[in-house]
Amino acid sequence: MADLSAIKEHMEVIGADGVHVGTVDRVEGDRIKLTKKDSGADIEGVDQGLHTDHHHFISTGLVAEVEGDQVRLSANADVAVTFEEEEGGEPL
């Protein structure tokens, strides 16, 4: 299990495939809050216009490892964003 206490603000969140998912704003409970500016902004197949005006969250259960300035998820980026949540906890 990854050391979740090592997750810090401004770390890059990447999928298992190395694709950028977002940037850490902070950890809130068992979820990583991503910054508004790039939550899923570069992932092929994700509608960029619908969800860039607010924060998204990724479950810490998807974290495979924390190394350097990156949080690597256990799922590829395109799959990980399907597990993303809105601020209230409901799925995207």
N, C-alpha and C. Protein backbone atom coordinates (compact mmCIF):
# COMPACT_ATOMS: atom_id res chain seq x y z
N MET A 1 0.84 -1.19 0.00
CA MET A 1 0.00 0.00 0.00
C MET A 1 0.88 1.25 0.00
N ALA A 2 0.46 2.24 -0.74
CA ALA A 2 1.21 3.48 -0.87
C ALA A 2 1.12 4.30 0.41
N ASP A 3 2.14 5.10 0.67
CA ASP A 3 2.15 6.00 1.82
C ASP A 3 1.37 7.25 1.46
N LEU A 4 0.10 7.28 1.83
CA LEU A 4 -0.77 8.40 1.45
C LEU A 4 -0.37 9.70 2.13
N SER A 5 0.33 9.62 3.25
CA SER A 5 0.78 10.84 3.93
C SER A 5 1.84 11.58 3.11
N ALA A 6 2.41 10.91 2.12
CA ALA A 6 3.43 11.52 1.25
C ALA A 6 2.81 12.36 0.14
N ILE A 7 1.48 12.30 -0.02
CA ILE A 7 0.82 13.08 -1.07
C ILE A 7 0.74 14.54 -0.64
N LYS A 8 1.29 15.41 -1.46
CA LYS A 8 1.36 16.84 -1.14
C LYS A 8 0.76 17.69 -2.26
N GLU A 9 0.45 18.91 -1.92
CA GLU A 9 -0.09 19.89 -2.87
C GLU A 9 0.85 20.04 -4.06
N HIS A 10 0.26 20.17 -5.23
CA HIS A 10 0.95 20.41 -6.51
C HIS A 10 1.63 19.17 -7.09
N MET A 11 1.48 18.00 -6.48
CA MET A 11 2.03 16.78 -7.08
C MET A 11 1.20 16.42 -8.31
N GLU A 12 1.86 15.84 -9.30
CA GLU A 12 1.16 15.39 -10.50
C GLU A 12 0.53 14.03 -10.24
N VAL A 13 -0.71 13.86 -10.66
CA VAL A 13 -1.38 12.56 -10.57
C VAL A 13 -1.36 11.96 -11.98
N ILE A 14 -0.82 10.75 -12.09
CA ILE A 14 -0.74 10.09 -13.39
C ILE A 14 -1.37 8.71 -13.31
N GLY A 15 -1.86 8.25 -14.44
CA GLY A 15 -2.40 6.90 -14.53
C GLY A 15 -1.28 5.89 -14.59
N ALA A 16 -1.63 4.62 -14.51
CA ALA A 16 -0.64 3.55 -14.60
C ALA A 16 0.10 3.59 -15.94
N ASP A 17 -0.55 4.21 -16.93
CA ASP A 17 0.05 4.33 -18.27
C ASP A 17 0.93 5.56 -18.41
N GLY A 18 1.07 6.35 -17.32
CA GLY A 18 1.92 7.54 -17.36
C GLY A 18 1.23 8.78 -17.86
N VAL A 19 -0.05 8.71 -18.19
CA VAL A 19 -0.80 9.86 -18.71
C VAL A 19 -1.27 10.74 -17.55
N HIS A 20 -1.10 12.04 -17.72
CA HIS A 20 -1.48 13.03 -16.71
C HIS A 20 -2.98 12.98 -16.46
N VAL A 21 -3.38 12.87 -15.18
CA VAL A 21 -4.78 12.88 -14.78
C VAL A 21 -5.16 14.22 -14.17
N GLY A 22 -4.25 14.81 -13.41
CA GLY A 22 -4.53 16.09 -12.76
C GLY A 22 -3.39 16.47 -11.83
N THR A 23 -3.64 17.50 -11.03
CA THR A 23 -2.68 18.01 -10.07
C THR A 23 -3.34 18.04 -8.70
N VAL A 24 -2.63 17.59 -7.70
CA VAL A 24 -3.17 17.54 -6.34
C VAL A 24 -3.39 18.95 -5.82
N ASP A 25 -4.60 19.20 -5.34
CA ASP A 25 -4.89 20.42 -4.58
C ASP A 25 -4.63 20.09 -3.11
N ARG A 26 -5.25 19.00 -2.63
CA ARG A 26 -5.00 18.50 -1.28
C ARG A 26 -5.70 17.16 -1.10
N VAL A 27 -5.41 16.48 -0.01
CA VAL A 27 -6.09 15.24 0.34
C VAL A 27 -7.18 15.60 1.35
N GLU A 28 -8.40 15.13 1.07
CA GLU A 28 -9.53 15.34 1.97
C GLU A 28 -10.11 13.98 2.32
N GLY A 29 -9.83 13.52 3.53
CA GLY A 29 -10.31 12.20 3.94
C GLY A 29 -9.69 11.11 3.10
N ASP A 30 -10.54 10.34 2.41
CA ASP A 30 -10.04 9.24 1.58
C ASP A 30 -10.08 9.59 0.09
N ARG A 31 -10.03 10.90 -0.20
CA ARG A 31 -10.05 11.34 -1.60
C ARG A 31 -8.97 12.39 -1.85
N ILE A 32 -8.45 12.40 -3.07
CA ILE A 32 -7.52 13.42 -3.52
C ILE A 32 -8.32 14.46 -4.27
N LYS A 33 -8.25 15.70 -3.81
CA LYS A 33 -8.91 16.81 -4.49
C LYS A 33 -7.95 17.33 -5.54
N LEU A 34 -8.41 17.34 -6.79
CA LEU A 34 -7.58 17.84 -7.90
C LEU A 34 -7.83 19.32 -8.11
N THR A 35 -6.83 20.03 -8.62
CA THR A 35 -7.02 21.44 -8.92
C THR A 35 -8.04 21.59 -10.04
N LYS A 36 -8.72 22.72 -10.05
CA LYS A 36 -9.74 22.98 -11.08
C LYS A 36 -9.13 23.06 -12.47
N LYS A 37 -7.97 23.69 -12.57
CA LYS A 37 -7.44 24.06 -13.88
C LYS A 37 -7.13 22.90 -14.80
N ASP A 38 -6.85 21.72 -14.25
CA ASP A 38 -6.50 20.63 -15.16
C ASP A 38 -7.06 19.28 -14.76
N SER A 39 -8.16 19.24 -14.09
CA SER A 39 -8.77 17.95 -13.75
C SER A 39 -9.16 17.21 -15.01
N GLY A 40 -8.35 16.22 -15.41
CA GLY A 40 -8.63 15.42 -16.58
C GLY A 40 -8.51 16.17 -17.89
N ALA A 41 -7.82 17.27 -17.91
CA ALA A 41 -7.81 18.13 -19.08
C ALA A 41 -7.11 17.54 -20.30
N ASP A 42 -6.21 16.61 -20.12
CA ASP A 42 -5.43 16.11 -21.25
C ASP A 42 -5.72 14.66 -21.61
N ILE A 43 -6.81 14.12 -21.11
CA ILE A 43 -7.09 12.71 -21.34
C ILE A 43 -7.99 12.54 -22.55
N GLU A 44 -7.51 11.76 -23.50
CA GLU A 44 -8.28 11.52 -24.72
C GLU A 44 -9.62 10.88 -24.38
N GLY A 45 -10.67 11.40 -24.99
CA GLY A 45 -11.99 10.85 -24.79
C GLY A 45 -12.77 11.50 -23.67
N VAL A 46 -12.14 12.41 -22.91
CA VAL A 46 -12.84 13.10 -21.83
C VAL A 46 -13.35 14.43 -22.35
N ASP A 47 -14.64 14.71 -22.14
CA ASP A 47 -15.24 15.96 -22.58
C ASP A 47 -14.68 17.10 -21.74
N GLN A 48 -13.88 17.95 -22.35
CA GLN A 48 -13.18 18.99 -21.62
C GLN A 48 -14.07 20.16 -21.21
N GLY A 49 -15.18 20.36 -21.85
CA GLY A 49 -16.01 21.52 -21.56
C GLY A 49 -16.93 21.36 -20.37
N LEU A 50 -17.21 20.14 -19.96
CA LEU A 50 -18.22 19.92 -18.94
C LEU A 50 -17.73 20.01 -17.51
N HIS A 51 -16.48 19.72 -17.27
CA HIS A 51 -16.06 19.58 -15.89
C HIS A 51 -14.77 20.32 -15.56
N THR A 52 -14.52 21.46 -16.14
CA THR A 52 -13.29 22.18 -15.85
C THR A 52 -13.51 23.39 -14.96
N ASP A 53 -14.75 23.63 -14.54
CA ASP A 53 -15.03 24.82 -13.74
C ASP A 53 -15.13 24.53 -12.25
N HIS A 54 -14.78 23.32 -11.83
CA HIS A 54 -14.84 22.97 -10.41
C HIS A 54 -13.87 21.82 -10.13
N HIS A 55 -13.67 21.54 -8.84
CA HIS A 55 -12.74 20.48 -8.44
C HIS A 55 -13.33 19.10 -8.68
N HIS A 56 -12.47 18.15 -8.97
CA HIS A 56 -12.83 16.74 -9.03
C HIS A 56 -12.00 16.00 -7.99
N PHE A 57 -12.43 14.80 -7.67
CA PHE A 57 -11.79 14.00 -6.64
C PHE A 57 -11.49 12.61 -7.16
N ILE A 58 -10.37 12.04 -6.70
CA ILE A 58 -9.98 10.67 -7.01
C ILE A 58 -9.85 9.94 -5.68
N SER A 59 -10.37 8.74 -5.59
CA SER A 59 -10.26 7.95 -4.37
C SER A 59 -8.80 7.59 -4.11
N THR A 60 -8.39 7.68 -2.85
CA THR A 60 -7.03 7.27 -2.51
C THR A 60 -6.85 5.76 -2.69
N GLY A 61 -7.95 5.04 -2.82
CA GLY A 61 -7.87 3.60 -3.07
C GLY A 61 -7.27 3.27 -4.43
N LEU A 62 -7.22 4.24 -5.32
CA LEU A 62 -6.62 4.04 -6.64
C LEU A 62 -5.11 4.31 -6.66
N VAL A 63 -4.56 4.80 -5.55
CA VAL A 63 -3.14 5.15 -5.52
C VAL A 63 -2.29 3.89 -5.43
N ALA A 64 -1.41 3.71 -6.41
CA ALA A 64 -0.49 2.58 -6.43
C ALA A 64 0.81 2.92 -5.71
N GLU A 65 1.32 4.14 -5.97
CA GLU A 65 2.56 4.56 -5.33
C GLU A 65 2.70 6.08 -5.38
N VAL A 66 3.49 6.58 -4.46
CA VAL A 66 3.84 8.00 -4.41
C VAL A 66 5.35 8.05 -4.48
N GLU A 67 5.85 8.69 -5.54
CA GLU A 67 7.30 8.74 -5.72
C GLU A 67 7.69 10.09 -6.30
N GLY A 68 8.66 10.73 -5.66
CA GLY A 68 9.09 12.04 -6.12
C GLY A 68 7.94 13.01 -6.05
N ASP A 69 7.64 13.66 -7.17
CA ASP A 69 6.53 14.62 -7.20
C ASP A 69 5.33 14.06 -7.96
N GLN A 70 5.21 12.73 -8.00
CA GLN A 70 4.10 12.10 -8.72
C GLN A 70 3.34 11.11 -7.86
N VAL A 71 2.02 11.09 -8.08
CA VAL A 71 1.13 10.10 -7.50
C VAL A 71 0.71 9.22 -8.66
N ARG A 72 1.11 7.94 -8.63
CA ARG A 72 0.76 7.03 -9.71
C ARG A 72 -0.44 6.20 -9.28
N LEU A 73 -1.42 6.14 -10.17
CA LEU A 73 -2.63 5.38 -9.90
C LEU A 73 -2.49 3.95 -10.39
N SER A 74 -3.34 3.07 -9.90
CA SER A 74 -3.29 1.66 -10.30
C SER A 74 -4.06 1.40 -11.59
N ALA A 75 -4.75 2.40 -12.09
CA ALA A 75 -5.53 2.28 -13.33
C ALA A 75 -4.98 3.24 -14.37
N ASN A 76 -5.13 2.91 -15.64
CA ASN A 76 -4.77 3.84 -16.70
C ASN A 76 -5.61 5.10 -16.57
N ALA A 77 -5.11 6.21 -17.08
CA ALA A 77 -5.76 7.50 -16.91
C ALA A 77 -7.20 7.51 -17.42
N ASP A 78 -7.43 6.92 -18.60
CA ASP A 78 -8.78 6.96 -19.17
C ASP A 78 -9.77 6.16 -18.33
N VAL A 79 -9.29 5.16 -17.62
CA VAL A 79 -10.15 4.38 -16.73
C VAL A 79 -10.29 5.10 -15.39
N ALA A 80 -9.20 5.66 -14.88
CA ALA A 80 -9.22 6.34 -13.58
C ALA A 80 -10.23 7.48 -13.56
N VAL A 81 -10.36 8.21 -14.67
CA VAL A 81 -11.30 9.33 -14.66
C VAL A 81 -12.75 8.85 -14.61
N THR A 82 -13.00 7.61 -14.96
CA THR A 82 -14.36 7.10 -14.83
C THR A 82 -14.71 6.89 -13.37
N PHE A 83 -13.70 6.84 -12.49
CA PHE A 83 -13.91 6.72 -11.05
C PHE A 83 -13.88 8.08 -10.36
N GLU A 84 -13.61 9.16 -11.12
CA GLU A 84 -13.59 10.49 -10.55
C GLU A 84 -14.94 10.84 -9.96
N GLU A 85 -14.91 11.69 -8.94
CA GLU A 85 -16.15 12.10 -8.28
C GLU A 85 -16.27 13.61 -8.30
N GLU A 86 -17.51 14.05 -8.22
CA GLU A 86 -17.79 15.46 -8.02
C GLU A 86 -17.54 15.78 -6.56
N GLU A 87 -17.59 17.05 -6.19
CA GLU A 87 -17.30 17.48 -4.83
C GLU A 87 -18.20 16.80 -3.80
N GLY A 88 -19.46 16.57 -4.12
CA GLY A 88 -20.40 15.95 -3.20
C GLY A 88 -20.24 14.46 -3.07
N GLY A 89 -19.37 13.84 -3.88
CA GLY A 89 -19.12 12.41 -3.80
C GLY A 89 -19.80 11.61 -4.88
N GLU A 90 -20.68 12.24 -5.68
CA GLU A 90 -21.34 11.52 -6.75
C GLU A 90 -20.40 11.34 -7.94
N PRO A 91 -20.54 10.23 -8.68
CA PRO A 91 -19.66 10.00 -9.83
C PRO A 91 -19.87 11.06 -10.91
N LEU A 92 -18.85 11.24 -11.77
CA LEU A 92 -18.98 12.18 -12.89
C LEU A 92 -20.04 11.71 -13.86
